Protein backbone atom coordinates (compact mmCIF):
# COMPACT_ATOMS: atom_id res chain seq x y z
CA MET A 1 8.56 -27.62 3.25
CA LYS A 2 5.20 -27.96 1.60
CA LYS A 3 4.15 -24.60 2.39
CA ILE A 4 7.39 -22.76 0.50
CA ILE A 5 7.69 -25.56 -2.20
CA SER A 6 3.23 -24.83 -3.06
CA LEU A 7 4.19 -21.17 -3.32
CA ILE A 8 7.52 -21.68 -5.71
CA ILE A 9 5.54 -23.86 -7.96
CA LEU A 10 2.74 -20.99 -7.72
CA THR A 11 5.59 -17.79 -8.72
CA LEU A 12 4.18 -18.22 -11.99
CA MET A 13 1.04 -18.84 -14.37
CA PHE A 14 0.02 -17.62 -17.40
CA ILE A 15 -2.96 -17.56 -19.60
CA SER A 16 -3.67 -17.70 -23.36
CA CYS A 17 -3.20 -20.70 -25.99
CA SER A 18 -3.99 -21.45 -29.75
CA LYS A 19 -6.24 -24.53 -30.89
CA THR A 20 -4.22 -26.77 -31.07
CA PRO A 21 -1.20 -27.94 -29.92
CA ASN A 22 1.88 -27.47 -32.69
CA SER A 23 5.20 -29.06 -31.93
CA ASN A 24 6.92 -27.30 -35.45
CA GLN A 25 7.36 -23.90 -34.12
CA PHE A 26 10.77 -22.29 -34.87
CA PRO A 27 10.99 -19.28 -33.33
CA GLU A 28 13.17 -16.37 -34.66
CA PRO A 29 14.59 -14.94 -31.01
CA LYS A 30 15.64 -11.46 -32.75
CA LYS A 31 11.77 -10.70 -33.55
CA TYR A 32 10.16 -11.95 -30.89
CA THR A 33 9.21 -9.97 -27.28
CA VAL A 34 7.94 -11.00 -24.31
CA LYS A 35 4.26 -10.50 -24.87
CA ASP A 36 4.72 -13.40 -28.29
CA TYR A 37 5.65 -15.51 -25.10
CA PHE A 38 2.94 -14.48 -22.77
CA PRO A 39 0.57 -12.82 -24.83
CA PHE A 40 -3.30 -11.27 -22.85
CA ILE A 41 -6.54 -13.07 -24.18
CA ALA A 42 -9.33 -13.03 -22.02
CA ASP A 43 -12.21 -15.84 -21.29
CA ARG A 44 -9.12 -18.95 -21.21
CA ARG A 45 -8.91 -21.64 -18.88
CA MET A 46 -5.77 -23.51 -18.66
CA LYS A 47 -6.09 -26.87 -16.89
CA TYR A 48 -1.97 -28.25 -15.70
CA GLN A 49 -1.36 -31.79 -14.46
CA GLY A 50 0.65 -31.86 -11.02
CA LEU A 51 3.19 -34.78 -11.01
CA GLY A 52 5.20 -34.70 -7.49
CA ASN A 53 3.26 -32.51 -5.35
CA GLU A 54 -0.08 -31.92 -3.84
CA TYR A 55 0.07 -28.35 -4.81
CA ALA A 56 1.50 -28.50 -8.70
CA GLU A 57 -2.14 -29.54 -9.80
CA MET A 58 -3.82 -26.10 -10.92
CA ASP A 59 -6.24 -24.01 -13.04
CA VAL A 60 -5.54 -20.65 -14.14
CA TYR A 61 -7.97 -18.08 -15.41
CA VAL A 62 -8.02 -14.68 -16.88
CA ASP A 63 -10.28 -12.30 -14.50
CA PHE A 64 -8.85 -9.36 -15.66
CA ILE A 65 -7.37 -7.80 -18.54
CA LYS A 66 -6.10 -3.59 -18.63
CA ASN A 67 -3.79 -2.09 -21.06
CA ASN A 68 -0.24 -4.18 -20.31
CA ARG A 69 -1.84 -6.02 -16.98
CA ILE A 70 -3.33 -8.90 -16.66
CA GLN A 71 -4.95 -10.49 -13.47
CA LEU A 72 -5.11 -14.38 -13.02
CA ARG A 73 -6.58 -16.32 -10.62
CA ILE A 74 -5.03 -19.90 -9.38
CA LEU A 75 -6.64 -22.68 -8.18
CA ASN A 76 -4.78 -25.48 -6.78
CA PRO A 77 -5.58 -28.10 -3.68
CA GLY A 78 -4.15 -25.55 -1.29
CA THR A 79 -5.47 -22.23 -2.18
CA VAL A 80 -6.31 -20.03 -4.51
CA LEU A 81 -4.21 -17.18 -5.72
CA ALA A 82 -4.73 -13.75 -7.72
CA GLN A 83 -1.68 -12.25 -9.39
CA VAL A 84 -1.34 -9.56 -11.63
CA TYR A 85 1.16 -9.13 -14.26
CA GLU A 86 3.11 -6.60 -16.26
CA ILE A 87 4.77 -6.07 -19.31
CA LYS A 88 6.72 -3.46 -19.71
CA ASP A 89 10.30 -2.30 -20.54
CA GLY A 90 10.75 -5.40 -22.30
CA GLU A 91 9.98 -7.43 -19.12
CA LEU A 92 7.72 -9.48 -18.07
CA ARG A 93 6.94 -8.95 -13.60
CA LEU A 94 4.61 -10.85 -11.41
CA ILE A 95 4.07 -7.40 -9.56
CA LYS A 96 1.07 -8.91 -6.45
CA SER A 97 0.85 -12.54 -5.17
CA GLN A 98 -2.46 -12.81 -3.23
CA GLU A 99 -3.31 -15.98 -1.49
CA GLU A 100 -6.96 -16.89 -0.17
CA PHE A 101 -8.75 -14.99 -2.74
CA TYR A 102 -11.75 -16.97 -2.56
CA TYR A 103 -13.68 -13.76 -3.85
CA ARG A 104 -13.46 -12.03 -6.80
CA ASP A 105 -12.20 -8.24 -6.21
CA ASN A 106 -10.39 -6.33 -8.96
CA ILE A 107 -6.39 -5.67 -8.01
CA ILE A 108 -5.03 -4.79 -11.38
CA ASP A 109 -3.89 -1.86 -10.38
CA SER A 110 -1.67 -2.80 -7.61
CA LYS A 111 1.29 -1.08 -7.04
CA SER A 112 4.96 -2.84 -6.06
CA GLU A 113 8.19 -1.59 -5.73
CA ASN A 114 10.73 -4.50 -5.81
CA PRO A 115 8.71 -7.14 -8.79
CA ASP A 116 9.88 -10.29 -9.59
CA ILE A 117 11.25 -10.38 -13.38
CA LEU A 118 10.21 -13.54 -15.08
CA LEU A 119 10.94 -13.48 -18.73
CA LYS A 120 13.13 -10.40 -20.06
CA GLU A 121 14.22 -9.43 -23.60
CA PRO A 122 16.20 -9.94 -25.54
CA ILE A 123 14.83 -13.19 -26.38
CA LYS A 124 18.18 -14.83 -26.73
CA VAL A 125 19.91 -17.37 -25.28
CA GLY A 126 22.33 -16.31 -22.23
CA THR A 127 20.15 -12.71 -21.12
CA GLU A 128 20.23 -13.13 -17.50
CA TRP A 129 19.00 -11.36 -14.63
CA THR A 130 18.50 -11.42 -10.89
CA THR A 131 14.93 -12.29 -9.02
CA LYS A 132 13.31 -10.72 -6.15
CA GLU A 133 14.96 -13.02 -3.93
CA GLY A 134 18.69 -11.98 -5.82
CA TYR A 135 18.66 -15.19 -7.29
CA LYS A 136 20.29 -16.14 -11.01
CA ARG A 137 17.61 -16.18 -13.61
CA TYR A 138 18.46 -16.84 -17.64
CA ILE A 139 17.64 -17.98 -20.73
CA SER A 140 18.98 -21.07 -20.99
CA ASN A 141 17.41 -22.79 -24.63
CA LEU A 142 14.75 -21.69 -26.94
CA GLU A 143 14.08 -24.48 -29.20
CA LYS A 144 14.09 -26.83 -25.88
CA GLU A 145 12.12 -29.80 -26.92
CA ILE A 146 9.29 -30.56 -24.40
CA GLU A 147 6.20 -33.05 -23.65
CA THR A 148 3.09 -32.08 -21.89
CA PRO A 149 -0.41 -34.18 -21.87
CA TYR A 150 -1.18 -31.37 -23.64
CA GLY A 151 1.03 -32.11 -26.71
CA LYS A 152 4.78 -31.70 -27.81
CA PHE A 153 6.64 -28.33 -27.82
CA LYS A 154 9.83 -26.79 -29.01
CA ALA A 155 10.05 -24.07 -25.77
CA LEU A 156 12.04 -20.89 -24.64
CA GLU A 157 13.41 -22.25 -21.30
CA VAL A 158 14.56 -19.53 -18.64
CA THR A 159 16.49 -21.42 -15.61
CA THR A 160 16.67 -20.20 -12.12
CA GLU A 161 19.04 -20.88 -9.85
CA GLY A 162 17.64 -21.05 -5.75
CA LYS A 163 19.77 -21.30 -2.50
CA ASP A 164 18.97 -24.84 -2.73
CA TYR A 165 16.85 -25.39 -6.10
CA LYS A 166 16.59 -24.71 -9.73
CA THR A 167 13.26 -24.12 -11.64
CA TYR A 168 12.74 -24.67 -15.21
CA ASP A 169 9.68 -22.71 -16.81
CA TYR A 170 9.23 -23.10 -20.42
CA TYR A 171 7.23 -20.77 -22.76
CA VAL A 172 5.96 -21.67 -26.28
CA LEU A 173 5.21 -18.68 -28.78
CA ASN A 174 1.25 -18.05 -29.10
CA ILE A 175 0.84 -19.89 -26.42
CA GLY A 176 2.84 -19.16 -23.16
CA LEU A 177 3.44 -20.98 -19.80
CA VAL A 178 3.61 -25.03 -20.85
CA LYS A 179 5.61 -26.78 -18.37
CA LYS A 180 7.55 -25.36 -15.30
CA ILE A 181 9.56 -28.07 -13.32
CA PHE A 182 10.98 -27.63 -9.62
CA GLU A 183 14.04 -29.46 -8.62
CA THR A 184 15.98 -29.89 -5.53
CA ASN A 185 18.79 -32.68 -4.83
CA ASN A 186 16.26 -35.40 -3.68
CA ASN A 187 12.55 -33.98 -5.29
CA LYS A 188 11.52 -33.27 -8.82
CA ILE A 189 7.86 -31.62 -9.36
CA GLU A 190 6.11 -30.53 -12.52
CA THR A 191 3.38 -28.50 -13.56
CA ASN A 192 2.49 -29.57 -17.10
CA LEU A 193 -0.32 -27.89 -19.27
CA GLU A 194 -2.94 -30.41 -19.81
CA LYS A 195 -5.82 -28.69 -21.41
CA ILE A 196 -6.97 -25.27 -23.22
CA GLU A 197 -10.89 -23.86 -22.62
CA ASN A 198 -11.69 -21.05 -24.97
CA ASN A 199 -14.65 -18.71 -24.08
CA ALA A 200 -14.64 -20.13 -20.51
CA SER A 201 -16.31 -18.52 -17.34
CA LEU A 202 -15.44 -18.61 -14.13
CA ILE A 203 -18.50 -19.82 -11.79
CA GLN A 204 -18.92 -19.18 -8.44
CA ASN A 205 -22.01 -19.96 -6.42
CA ILE A 206 -22.52 -16.83 -4.31
CA ALA A 207 -25.76 -16.47 -1.10
CA PHE A 208 -27.59 -13.65 -1.51
CA TYR A 209 -29.61 -12.60 1.62
CA TYR A 210 -33.49 -10.57 1.86
CA PRO A 211 -35.75 -9.42 4.60
CA ASP A 212 -38.99 -11.79 5.08
CA PHE A 213 -40.37 -9.47 6.54
CA LEU A 214 -43.62 -10.48 7.51
CA LYS A 215 -42.19 -14.08 8.76
CA GLU A 216 -39.60 -11.88 10.15
CA LYS A 217 -36.79 -14.05 9.16
CA ILE A 218 -33.63 -12.92 6.61
CA ALA A 219 -34.47 -15.24 3.20
CA PHE A 220 -31.16 -16.42 1.07
CA LYS A 221 -30.78 -18.04 -2.19
CA GLU A 222 -27.50 -19.95 -3.67
CA GLU A 223 -27.17 -18.45 -6.92
CA THR A 224 -24.94 -19.61 -9.80
CA ILE A 225 -23.00 -17.06 -11.09
CA LYS A 226 -20.90 -16.60 -14.14
CA PHE A 227 -18.04 -14.43 -14.72
CA LYS A 228 -16.22 -13.25 -18.08
CA THR A 229 -13.28 -11.57 -18.04
CA ASN A 230 -13.00 -8.43 -17.00
CA GLU A 231 -16.91 -8.34 -15.83
CA SER A 232 -17.99 -6.48 -12.82
CA THR A 233 -18.27 -8.88 -9.67
CA ILE A 234 -19.91 -5.13 -8.39
CA GLU A 235 -22.97 -5.01 -10.82
CA LYS A 236 -23.53 -8.62 -10.63
CA PHE A 237 -23.97 -7.62 -6.35
CA GLU A 238 -26.30 -4.65 -7.46
CA SER A 239 -28.42 -6.60 -9.79
CA LEU A 240 -29.11 -9.49 -7.53
CA LEU A 241 -29.82 -7.61 -4.66
CA LYS A 242 -32.07 -5.45 -6.48
CA ASN A 243 -34.04 -8.66 -7.33
CA PRO A 244 -35.56 -10.45 -4.85
CA PRO A 245 -35.80 -14.65 -5.88
CA ARG A 246 -39.62 -14.63 -4.97
CA GLU A 247 -42.17 -12.82 -3.99
CA GLY A 248 -42.79 -11.77 -0.17
CA LEU A 249 -38.99 -10.83 0.08
CA THR A 250 -37.84 -7.60 0.25
CA ARG A 251 -35.39 -6.38 -1.97
CA VAL A 252 -31.86 -4.81 -0.62
CA LEU A 253 -31.59 -2.10 -2.73
CA SER A 254 -33.65 -0.05 -4.08
CA PRO A 255 -33.76 0.53 -8.03
CA ASN A 256 -32.04 3.51 -8.16
CA THR A 257 -29.37 2.56 -5.32
CA LYS A 258 -25.57 2.31 -7.03
CA ILE A 259 -22.67 0.45 -5.26
CA ASN A 260 -20.19 2.95 -5.92
CA ASN A 261 -17.23 0.97 -4.95
CA MET A 262 -16.88 -3.03 -2.66
CA TYR A 263 -13.86 -4.63 -1.54
CA PHE A 264 -12.09 -6.38 0.76
CA ASN A 265 -9.24 -5.30 3.17
CA PRO A 266 -7.38 -8.02 3.49
CA GLN A 267 -4.87 -6.74 5.99
CA GLU A 268 -8.01 -5.59 8.56
CA ASN A 269 -9.66 -8.53 7.48
CA LYS A 270 -12.88 -5.88 6.29
CA ILE A 271 -15.23 -5.44 3.57
CA TYR A 272 -15.84 -1.60 2.06
CA ILE A 273 -18.95 -0.80 0.21
CA ASP A 274 -19.72 2.51 -0.43
CA LEU A 275 -23.81 2.86 -1.41
CA SER A 276 -25.07 6.28 -3.46
CA LYS A 277 -27.71 8.14 -1.06
CA GLU A 278 -30.29 6.40 -3.07
CA PHE A 279 -29.85 3.35 -0.48
CA ILE A 280 -31.37 6.00 2.37
CA THR A 281 -33.93 7.91 0.57
CA GLU A 282 -35.53 5.16 -1.54
CA MET A 283 -35.74 2.81 1.21
CA ASN A 284 -38.95 3.63 2.48
CA ALA A 285 -38.77 1.57 5.59
CA GLY A 286 -39.27 1.84 9.48
CA SER A 287 -36.30 1.11 11.84
CA SER A 288 -37.10 -2.67 12.11
CA LEU A 289 -37.22 -2.96 8.53
CA GLU A 290 -33.98 -1.22 7.85
CA ALA A 291 -32.82 -3.31 10.14
CA MET A 292 -32.81 -6.37 8.25
CA ILE A 293 -31.92 -4.79 5.11
CA ILE A 294 -29.18 -3.94 6.28
CA GLN A 295 -28.35 -7.83 8.07
CA SER A 296 -29.15 -9.32 4.39
CA LEU A 297 -26.60 -6.76 2.74
CA VAL A 298 -24.25 -7.83 5.54
CA ASN A 299 -24.60 -11.73 5.42
CA THR A 300 -24.16 -11.38 1.57
CA LEU A 301 -20.94 -9.69 1.94
CA CYS A 302 -19.66 -11.61 4.91
CA ARG A 303 -20.37 -14.98 3.72
CA TYR A 304 -18.58 -14.07 -0.20
CA TYR A 305 -15.65 -12.54 1.57
CA ASN A 306 -15.95 -15.21 4.41
CA THR A 307 -15.27 -12.53 6.96
CA ASP A 308 -16.96 -11.06 9.80
CA LYS A 309 -16.89 -7.24 9.44
CA VAL A 310 -18.32 -4.58 7.18
CA TYR A 311 -17.80 -1.13 6.83
CA ILE A 312 -20.80 1.00 4.88
CA SER A 313 -20.54 4.08 3.69
CA LEU A 314 -23.10 6.31 1.38
CA ASP A 315 -21.17 8.68 -1.27
CA GLY A 316 -18.07 8.66 1.00
CA ASN A 317 -19.20 9.51 4.87
CA PRO A 318 -19.78 6.59 7.28
CA TYR A 319 -23.35 5.07 7.07
CA GLU A 320 -26.11 7.35 8.90
CA SER A 321 -30.46 7.54 8.61
CA GLY A 322 -32.73 8.68 10.68
CA HIS A 323 -32.37 4.87 12.79
CA ILE A 324 -28.86 3.56 12.47
CA ALA A 325 -25.32 5.15 12.31
CA ILE A 326 -21.94 4.33 12.50
CA ASN A 327 -18.54 6.00 13.02
CA LYS A 328 -15.27 5.93 10.67
CA ASP A 329 -13.88 3.10 13.03
CA GLU A 330 -17.48 1.09 13.78
CA PHE A 331 -18.36 -2.03 11.42
CA PHE A 332 -21.59 -4.34 10.67
CA LYS A 333 -21.41 -7.99 12.05
CA PRO A 334 -23.27 -11.16 9.84
CA ASP A 335 -25.77 -12.93 11.90
CA TYR A 336 -27.11 -16.01 10.39
CA LYS A 337 -29.15 -17.39 13.60
CA ASN A 338 -32.34 -16.23 12.35
CA THR A 339 -32.08 -17.10 8.22
CA ILE A 340 -33.93 -19.45 6.35
CA GLU A 341 -33.11 -20.58 2.61
CA VAL A 342 -35.36 -20.19 -0.20
CA LYS A 343 -35.46 -23.67 -2.42
């Protein structure tokens, strides 16, 4: 039951803000659009207080923005969600929601044949539509007085009538979602806007591995990486893998090697990374060092994505050098036994 409740709570989050709360907003419905109530603004962190359930508390970051889409990262005590929203044809649509998203991949171009409509024009009381699950959802109020730790507002209220529950989502002009209530017969759960941080960065601690050839070990160092909206995860990895943290360690990627693509496939529980041909042509290593370089790359990726399968390709073809080769169905596995940490 907790799992179901937590997923319902997490069905929607938003990003955007004004610098200070404004309790004197009187929207003129016919002049406003969905985007006025759900604006896309980069580098904003929204912290929410939770009441009534351990999963109601959350932090929301903006990972990516592209045209009429936004990809949010939602952290709560139970999991990390990636959610992709789209504003199209006067509708706010939830395109994709993916759990256990502890890594940072760009999934903003995800497709959905049956998105969930969260808000719909015209912005007026009585606008009604059907949810993805077939339930009734409608705009029930345009100036509902609400209170959150962040401030008092007059908000647009969207009501959803589920089978055994109701939810109330409260949007404020030029801010977004500030409050969410989930009600059953004997239960009430709230998520309330508590804090807004501008110019925020997502911070991740990532371990990068490098061959220590003379000591016949693989060394690793945990780096603190900051991500702004739309910054490339691939570029961060590429830079650090080319620059070992101390002398005596071998770089994993040569200066001209490019990471063409890198992503995690959750259905296969496998990482795919495509490197440019310079990974081989500039390696200048024997079989032992090449094996250590590959192992360092695999360890780095597997630890970050929390998996044990890495498929490596070179300009779209399965990895093949003079010493090591795989086919399309094979993959590399991590090995942390012979590793040492660099302080």
